[in-house]
Amino acid sequence: MNEIKDNTKKWFEEWILKLNLCPFAHSVYAKKQIRFEIEESENFEKCVQKAVSEITFLEENNDDKIQNYVDTTLLIFPNIFLDCDKNSNSEENILFNDFLDFVAVLDLFLEQNNLEDKFQVVAFHPNYIFEGEDINSKSHFTNRSPYPILHILREESVEKAIENYNQVESIPQKNIEKLEKMKDADFEWLKSFSVKE
């Protein structure tokens, strides 16, 4: 489990922060307000329950003046939402598209519980593919990670970050341009986590 968390932190520090793919992330990381949680289950419903539990935790602990305040959570799923391993008998390992279905379930949960104005969820995955993009485009790496990861953000924090950052709408394009200029070797570590068919 430590290796999973270490790999996730390495990705966050050397990919998200160092490349500045998310300018908003620096502040909460410096303040140690990011929570790294691992859900080891291979069961879809249990993973949904864990995500709902984490959203509830954030909702109930929303006083940013308290010690050990958590602003955002990275929920890591190392054993599910992956292509089936040909050597595995597990029927619970499922495809990347099912991870998007999982995110859709949580979006529906937020909507049905009037929480869509309080939280948003963002998906990261070793095999993340943006629809309509060339399969070999480096743009996919803006949302690629060592494991399937659900990023749960407070809407209020996102809005504050947007207010303090100019030209938010330009961030995705700047990230793509940044990645396209990188050498293929720069992607090898993250590519090593991608699931091979």
C-alpha atoms as a PDB file:
ATOM      1  CA  MET A   1       0.000   0.000   0.000  1.00  0.00           C
ATOM      2  CA  ASN A   2       2.908   2.350   0.728  1.00  0.00           C
ATOM      3  CA  GLU A   3       4.218   1.796  -2.798  1.00  0.00           C
ATOM      4  CA  ILE A   4       0.843   2.802  -4.228  1.00  0.00           C
ATOM      5  CA  LYS A   5       0.734   5.989  -2.199  1.00  0.00           C
ATOM      6  CA  ASP A   6       4.395   6.747  -2.964  1.00  0.00           C
ATOM      7  CA  ASN A   7       3.826   6.341  -6.706  1.00  0.00           C
ATOM      8  CA  THR A   8       0.778   8.576  -6.519  1.00  0.00           C
ATOM      9  CA  LYS A   9       2.660  11.279  -4.640  1.00  0.00           C
ATOM     10  CA  LYS A  10       5.554  11.039  -7.083  1.00  0.00           C
ATOM     11  CA  TRP A  11       3.107  11.484  -9.978  1.00  0.00           C
ATOM     12  CA  PHE A  12       1.443  14.421  -8.253  1.00  0.00           C
ATOM     13  CA  GLU A  13       4.731  16.140  -7.421  1.00  0.00           C
ATOM     14  CA  GLU A  14       6.676  15.446 -10.603  1.00  0.00           C
ATOM     15  CA  TRP A  15       3.824  15.528 -13.087  1.00  0.00           C
ATOM     16  CA  ILE A  16       0.952  17.693 -11.856  1.00  0.00           C
ATOM     17  CA  LEU A  17       3.012  20.183  -9.828  1.00  0.00           C
ATOM     18  CA  LYS A  18       6.374  20.260 -11.591  1.00  0.00           C
ATOM     19  CA  LEU A  19       4.779  20.583 -15.037  1.00  0.00           C
ATOM     20  CA  ASN A  20       2.194  22.965 -13.579  1.00  0.00           C
ATOM     21  CA  LEU A  21      -0.660  21.059 -15.223  1.00  0.00           C
ATOM     22  CA  CYS A  22      -2.964  22.318 -12.483  1.00  0.00           C
ATOM     23  CA  PRO A  23      -1.888  25.761 -11.209  1.00  0.00           C
ATOM     24  CA  PHE A  24      -4.458  25.516  -8.401  1.00  0.00           C
ATOM     25  CA  ALA A  25      -2.795  22.460  -6.839  1.00  0.00           C
ATOM     26  CA  HIS A  26       0.338  24.128  -5.503  1.00  0.00           C
ATOM     27  CA  SER A  27      -1.327  25.992  -2.645  1.00  0.00           C
ATOM     28  CA  VAL A  28      -3.276  23.090  -1.122  1.00  0.00           C
ATOM     29  CA  TYR A  29      -0.280  20.772  -1.463  1.00  0.00           C
ATOM     30  CA  ALA A  30       2.024  23.259   0.256  1.00  0.00           C
ATOM     31  CA  LYS A  31      -0.516  23.571   3.076  1.00  0.00           C
ATOM     32  CA  LYS A  32      -0.743  19.756   3.329  1.00  0.00           C
ATOM     33  CA  GLN A  33      -4.494  19.912   2.711  1.00  0.00           C
ATOM     34  CA  ILE A  34      -4.594  17.032   0.223  1.00  0.00           C
ATOM     35  CA  ARG A  35      -5.746  13.641   1.453  1.00  0.00           C
ATOM     36  CA  PHE A  36      -4.454  10.501  -0.286  1.00  0.00           C
ATOM     37  CA  GLU A  37      -6.851   7.594   0.248  1.00  0.00           C
ATOM     38  CA  ILE A  38      -6.602   4.070  -1.142  1.00  0.00           C
ATOM     39  CA  GLU A  39      -9.559   1.778  -1.814  1.00  0.00           C
ATOM     40  CA  GLU A  40      -8.274  -1.752  -2.408  1.00  0.00           C
ATOM     41  CA  SER A  41     -11.611  -3.365  -3.232  1.00  0.00           C
ATOM     42  CA  GLU A  42     -12.231  -4.914  -6.658  1.00  0.00           C
ATOM     43  CA  ASN A  43     -15.979  -4.450  -6.262  1.00  0.00           C
ATOM     44  CA  PHE A  44     -17.738  -1.613  -8.111  1.00  0.00           C
ATOM     45  CA  GLU A  45     -20.365  -0.982  -5.432  1.00  0.00           C
ATOM     46  CA  LYS A  46     -17.814  -0.910  -2.620  1.00  0.00           C
ATOM     47  CA  CYS A  47     -15.808   1.649  -4.566  1.00  0.00           C
ATOM     48  CA  VAL A  48     -18.925   3.783  -4.978  1.00  0.00           C
ATOM     49  CA  GLN A  49     -19.565   3.515  -1.236  1.00  0.00           C
ATOM     50  CA  LYS A  50     -15.981   4.571  -0.498  1.00  0.00           C
ATOM     51  CA  ALA A  51     -16.259   7.600  -2.773  1.00  0.00           C
ATOM     52  CA  VAL A  52     -19.580   8.617  -1.219  1.00  0.00           C
ATOM     53  CA  SER A  53     -18.031   8.186   2.225  1.00  0.00           C
ATOM     54  CA  GLU A  54     -15.145  10.452   1.247  1.00  0.00           C
ATOM     55  CA  ILE A  55     -17.486  13.121  -0.118  1.00  0.00           C
ATOM     56  CA  THR A  56     -19.444  12.930   3.142  1.00  0.00           C
ATOM     57  CA  PHE A  57     -16.210  13.299   5.114  1.00  0.00           C
ATOM     58  CA  LEU A  58     -15.310  16.455   3.210  1.00  0.00           C
ATOM     59  CA  GLU A  59     -18.812  17.861   3.629  1.00  0.00           C
ATOM     60  CA  GLU A  60     -18.804  17.262   7.384  1.00  0.00           C
ATOM     61  CA  ASN A  61     -15.302  18.692   7.827  1.00  0.00           C
ATOM     62  CA  ASN A  62     -15.637  21.975   5.987  1.00  0.00           C
ATOM     63  CA  ASP A  63     -14.117  24.405   8.492  1.00  0.00           C
ATOM     64  CA  ASP A  64     -10.825  25.490   6.930  1.00  0.00           C
ATOM     65  CA  LYS A  65      -9.705  26.973  10.253  1.00  0.00           C
ATOM     66  CA  ILE A  66      -9.413  23.591  11.963  1.00  0.00           C
ATOM     67  CA  GLN A  67      -6.127  21.745  12.327  1.00  0.00           C
ATOM     68  CA  ASN A  68      -5.492  19.064   9.684  1.00  0.00           C
ATOM     69  CA  TYR A  69      -8.172  20.566   7.423  1.00  0.00           C
ATOM     70  CA  VAL A  70      -8.615  18.589   4.201  1.00  0.00           C
ATOM     71  CA  ASP A  71      -9.408  20.678   1.142  1.00  0.00           C
ATOM     72  CA  THR A  72      -9.369  17.926  -1.452  1.00  0.00           C
ATOM     73  CA  THR A  73      -8.997  14.149  -1.750  1.00  0.00           C
ATOM     74  CA  LEU A  74      -7.236  11.895  -4.220  1.00  0.00           C
ATOM     75  CA  LEU A  75      -9.014   8.540  -3.986  1.00  0.00           C
ATOM     76  CA  ILE A  76      -6.872   5.781  -5.484  1.00  0.00           C
ATOM     77  CA  PHE A  77      -8.224   2.488  -6.900  1.00  0.00           C
ATOM     78  CA  PRO A  78      -5.267   0.149  -7.614  1.00  0.00           C
ATOM     79  CA  ASN A  79      -7.283  -3.055  -8.100  1.00  0.00           C
ATOM     80  CA  ILE A  80     -10.219  -2.101 -10.305  1.00  0.00           C
ATOM     81  CA  PHE A  81     -11.140  -0.017 -13.364  1.00  0.00           C
ATOM     82  CA  LEU A  82      -8.330  -1.592 -15.362  1.00  0.00           C
ATOM     83  CA  ASP A  83      -8.221  -3.774 -18.436  1.00  0.00           C
ATOM     84  CA  CYS A  84      -8.422  -7.445 -17.568  1.00  0.00           C
ATOM     85  CA  ASP A  85      -5.080  -9.079 -16.916  1.00  0.00           C
ATOM     86  CA  LYS A  86      -4.837 -12.141 -19.126  1.00  0.00           C
ATOM     87  CA  ASN A  87      -3.226 -14.017 -16.224  1.00  0.00           C
ATOM     88  CA  SER A  88      -5.893 -12.985 -13.729  1.00  0.00           C
ATOM     89  CA  ASN A  89      -9.045 -14.881 -12.856  1.00  0.00           C
ATOM     90  CA  SER A  90     -10.640 -11.772 -11.397  1.00  0.00           C
ATOM     91  CA  GLU A  91     -13.898 -10.822 -13.092  1.00  0.00           C
ATOM     92  CA  GLU A  92     -13.982  -7.505 -11.256  1.00  0.00           C
ATOM     93  CA  ASN A  93     -11.165  -5.834 -13.237  1.00  0.00           C
ATOM     94  CA  ILE A  94     -13.017  -3.664 -15.702  1.00  0.00           C
ATOM     95  CA  LEU A  95     -12.250  -1.310 -18.548  1.00  0.00           C
ATOM     96  CA  PHE A  96     -11.403   2.381 -18.591  1.00  0.00           C
ATOM     97  CA  ASN A  97     -14.866   3.217 -19.927  1.00  0.00           C
ATOM     98  CA  ASP A  98     -16.342   1.666 -16.805  1.00  0.00           C
ATOM     99  CA  PHE A  99     -14.290   4.111 -14.763  1.00  0.00           C
ATOM    100  CA  LEU A 100     -16.035   6.907 -16.632  1.00  0.00           C
ATOM    101  CA  ASP A 101     -19.339   5.198 -15.805  1.00  0.00           C
ATOM    102  CA  PHE A 102     -18.218   5.152 -12.170  1.00  0.00           C
ATOM    103  CA  VAL A 103     -17.574   8.900 -12.301  1.00  0.00           C
ATOM    104  CA  ALA A 104     -21.010   9.392 -13.879  1.00  0.00           C
ATOM    105  CA  VAL A 105     -22.598   7.508 -10.957  1.00  0.00           C
ATOM    106  CA  LEU A 106     -20.918   9.901  -8.531  1.00  0.00           C
ATOM    107  CA  ASP A 107     -21.964  12.933 -10.568  1.00  0.00           C
ATOM    108  CA  LEU A 108     -25.530  11.642 -10.310  1.00  0.00           C
ATOM    109  CA  PHE A 109     -25.103  11.172  -6.549  1.00  0.00           C
ATOM    110  CA  LEU A 110     -23.976  14.788  -6.201  1.00  0.00           C
ATOM    111  CA  GLU A 111     -26.938  15.989  -8.253  1.00  0.00           C
ATOM    112  CA  GLN A 112     -29.524  13.898  -6.402  1.00  0.00           C
ATOM    113  CA  ASN A 113     -28.212  15.083  -3.037  1.00  0.00           C
ATOM    114  CA  ASN A 114     -27.942  18.749  -4.028  1.00  0.00           C
ATOM    115  CA  LEU A 115     -24.172  18.619  -3.689  1.00  0.00           C
ATOM    116  CA  GLU A 116     -23.232  19.548  -7.261  1.00  0.00           C
ATOM    117  CA  ASP A 117     -22.618  23.134  -6.126  1.00  0.00           C
ATOM    118  CA  LYS A 118     -20.338  21.927  -3.325  1.00  0.00           C
ATOM    119  CA  PHE A 119     -18.181  19.274  -4.987  1.00  0.00           C
ATOM    120  CA  GLN A 120     -16.910  18.124  -8.336  1.00  0.00           C
ATOM    121  CA  VAL A 121     -15.052  14.975  -9.314  1.00  0.00           C
ATOM    122  CA  VAL A 122     -12.271  14.610 -11.871  1.00  0.00           C
ATOM    123  CA  ALA A 123     -11.020  11.322 -13.312  1.00  0.00           C
ATOM    124  CA  PHE A 124      -7.414  10.227 -13.856  1.00  0.00           C
ATOM    125  CA  HIS A 125      -6.454   6.840 -15.300  1.00  0.00           C
ATOM    126  CA  PRO A 126      -3.346   5.057 -16.669  1.00  0.00           C
ATOM    127  CA  ASN A 127      -5.094   4.657 -20.034  1.00  0.00           C
ATOM    128  CA  TYR A 128      -7.057   7.912 -20.107  1.00  0.00           C
ATOM    129  CA  ILE A 129      -8.224   8.797 -23.615  1.00  0.00           C
ATOM    130  CA  PHE A 130      -9.920  12.038 -24.620  1.00  0.00           C
ATOM    131  CA  GLU A 131     -12.742  11.303 -27.033  1.00  0.00           C
ATOM    132  CA  GLY A 132     -12.023  12.550 -30.526  1.00  0.00           C
ATOM    133  CA  GLU A 133      -8.273  12.859 -29.965  1.00  0.00           C
ATOM    134  CA  ASP A 134      -5.687  10.824 -31.860  1.00  0.00           C
ATOM    135  CA  ILE A 135      -4.842   7.697 -29.866  1.00  0.00           C
ATOM    136  CA  ASN A 136      -1.147   8.666 -29.830  1.00  0.00           C
ATOM    137  CA  SER A 137      -1.694  12.277 -28.823  1.00  0.00           C
ATOM    138  CA  LYS A 138       0.319  13.400 -25.816  1.00  0.00           C
ATOM    139  CA  SER A 139      -2.698  15.415 -24.671  1.00  0.00           C
ATOM    140  CA  HIS A 140      -4.072  12.283 -22.974  1.00  0.00           C
ATOM    141  CA  PHE A 141      -1.262  12.509 -20.419  1.00  0.00           C
ATOM    142  CA  THR A 142      -2.852  15.536 -18.761  1.00  0.00           C
ATOM    143  CA  ASN A 143      -5.278  13.028 -17.219  1.00  0.00           C
ATOM    144  CA  ARG A 144      -3.090   9.946 -16.992  1.00  0.00           C
ATOM    145  CA  SER A 145      -1.922   8.647 -13.633  1.00  0.00           C
ATOM    146  CA  PRO A 146      -0.264   5.531 -12.175  1.00  0.00           C
ATOM    147  CA  TYR A 147      -3.639   4.148 -11.026  1.00  0.00           C
ATOM    148  CA  PRO A 148      -7.296   5.005 -11.523  1.00  0.00           C
ATOM    149  CA  ILE A 149      -7.764   8.075  -9.335  1.00  0.00           C
ATOM    150  CA  LEU A 150     -10.826  10.103  -8.426  1.00  0.00           C
ATOM    151  CA  HIS A 151     -10.042  13.693  -7.496  1.00  0.00           C
ATOM    152  CA  ILE A 152     -12.758  15.134  -5.253  1.00  0.00           C
ATOM    153  CA  LEU A 153     -12.664  18.928  -5.158  1.00  0.00           C
ATOM    154  CA  ARG A 154     -14.577  21.506  -3.191  1.00  0.00           C
ATOM    155  CA  GLU A 155     -16.418  23.770  -5.622  1.00  0.00           C
ATOM    156  CA  GLU A 156     -15.762  26.784  -3.404  1.00  0.00           C
ATOM    157  CA  SER A 157     -12.011  26.190  -3.556  1.00  0.00           C
ATOM    158  CA  VAL A 158     -12.126  25.819  -7.330  1.00  0.00           C
ATOM    159  CA  GLU A 159     -14.025  29.091  -7.674  1.00  0.00           C
ATOM    160  CA  LYS A 160     -11.528  30.909  -5.440  1.00  0.00           C
ATOM    161  CA  ALA A 161      -8.642  29.539  -7.459  1.00  0.00           C
ATOM    162  CA  ILE A 162     -10.278  30.659 -10.703  1.00  0.00           C
ATOM    163  CA  GLU A 163     -10.720  34.169  -9.318  1.00  0.00           C
ATOM    164  CA  ASN A 164      -6.998  34.350  -8.554  1.00  0.00           C
ATOM    165  CA  TYR A 165      -5.809  32.967 -11.876  1.00  0.00           C
ATOM    166  CA  ASN A 166      -5.918  34.789 -15.185  1.00  0.00           C
ATOM    167  CA  GLN A 167      -7.122  33.108 -18.363  1.00  0.00           C
ATOM    168  CA  VAL A 168      -8.326  29.852 -16.810  1.00  0.00           C
ATOM    169  CA  GLU A 169      -9.815  28.812 -20.132  1.00  0.00           C
ATOM    170  CA  SER A 170      -6.314  28.728 -21.644  1.00  0.00           C
ATOM    171  CA  ILE A 171      -4.958  26.122 -19.190  1.00  0.00           C
ATOM    172  CA  PRO A 172      -5.950  22.981 -21.197  1.00  0.00           C
ATOM    173  CA  GLN A 173      -4.402  24.272 -24.427  1.00  0.00           C
ATOM    174  CA  LYS A 174      -1.241  25.405 -22.637  1.00  0.00           C
ATOM    175  CA  ASN A 175      -0.934  21.954 -21.071  1.00  0.00           C
ATOM    176  CA  ILE A 176      -1.275  20.247 -24.441  1.00  0.00           C
ATOM    177  CA  GLU A 177       1.343  22.527 -26.000  1.00  0.00           C
ATOM    178  CA  LYS A 178       3.659  21.839 -23.064  1.00  0.00           C
ATOM    179  CA  LEU A 179       3.294  18.064 -23.394  1.00  0.00           C
ATOM    180  CA  GLU A 180       3.718  18.094 -27.173  1.00  0.00           C
ATOM    181  CA  LYS A 181       7.129  19.740 -26.756  1.00  0.00           C
ATOM    182  CA  MET A 182       8.339  17.032 -24.364  1.00  0.00           C
ATOM    183  CA  LYS A 183      10.523  14.135 -25.499  1.00  0.00           C
ATOM    184  CA  ASP A 184       9.098  10.625 -25.670  1.00  0.00           C
ATOM    185  CA  ALA A 185      11.527   9.541 -22.949  1.00  0.00           C
ATOM    186  CA  ASP A 186       9.888  11.979 -20.535  1.00  0.00           C
ATOM    187  CA  PHE A 187       6.734   9.851 -20.608  1.00  0.00           C
ATOM    188  CA  GLU A 188       8.336   6.466 -19.949  1.00  0.00           C
ATOM    189  CA  TRP A 189       7.728   6.335 -16.193  1.00  0.00           C
ATOM    190  CA  LEU A 190       4.040   7.137 -16.494  1.00  0.00           C
ATOM    191  CA  LYS A 191       3.674   4.906 -19.547  1.00  0.00           C
ATOM    192  CA  SER A 192       4.959   1.991 -17.470  1.00  0.00           C
ATOM    193  CA  PHE A 193       1.644   1.981 -15.592  1.00  0.00           C
ATOM    194  CA  SER A 194      -0.536   1.829 -18.694  1.00  0.00           C
ATOM    195  CA  VAL A 195      -2.445  -1.404 -19.102  1.00  0.00           C
ATOM    196  CA  LYS A 196      -1.341  -3.502 -22.050  1.00  0.00           C
ATOM    197  CA  GLU A 197      -3.935  -5.472 -23.926  1.00  0.00           C
END
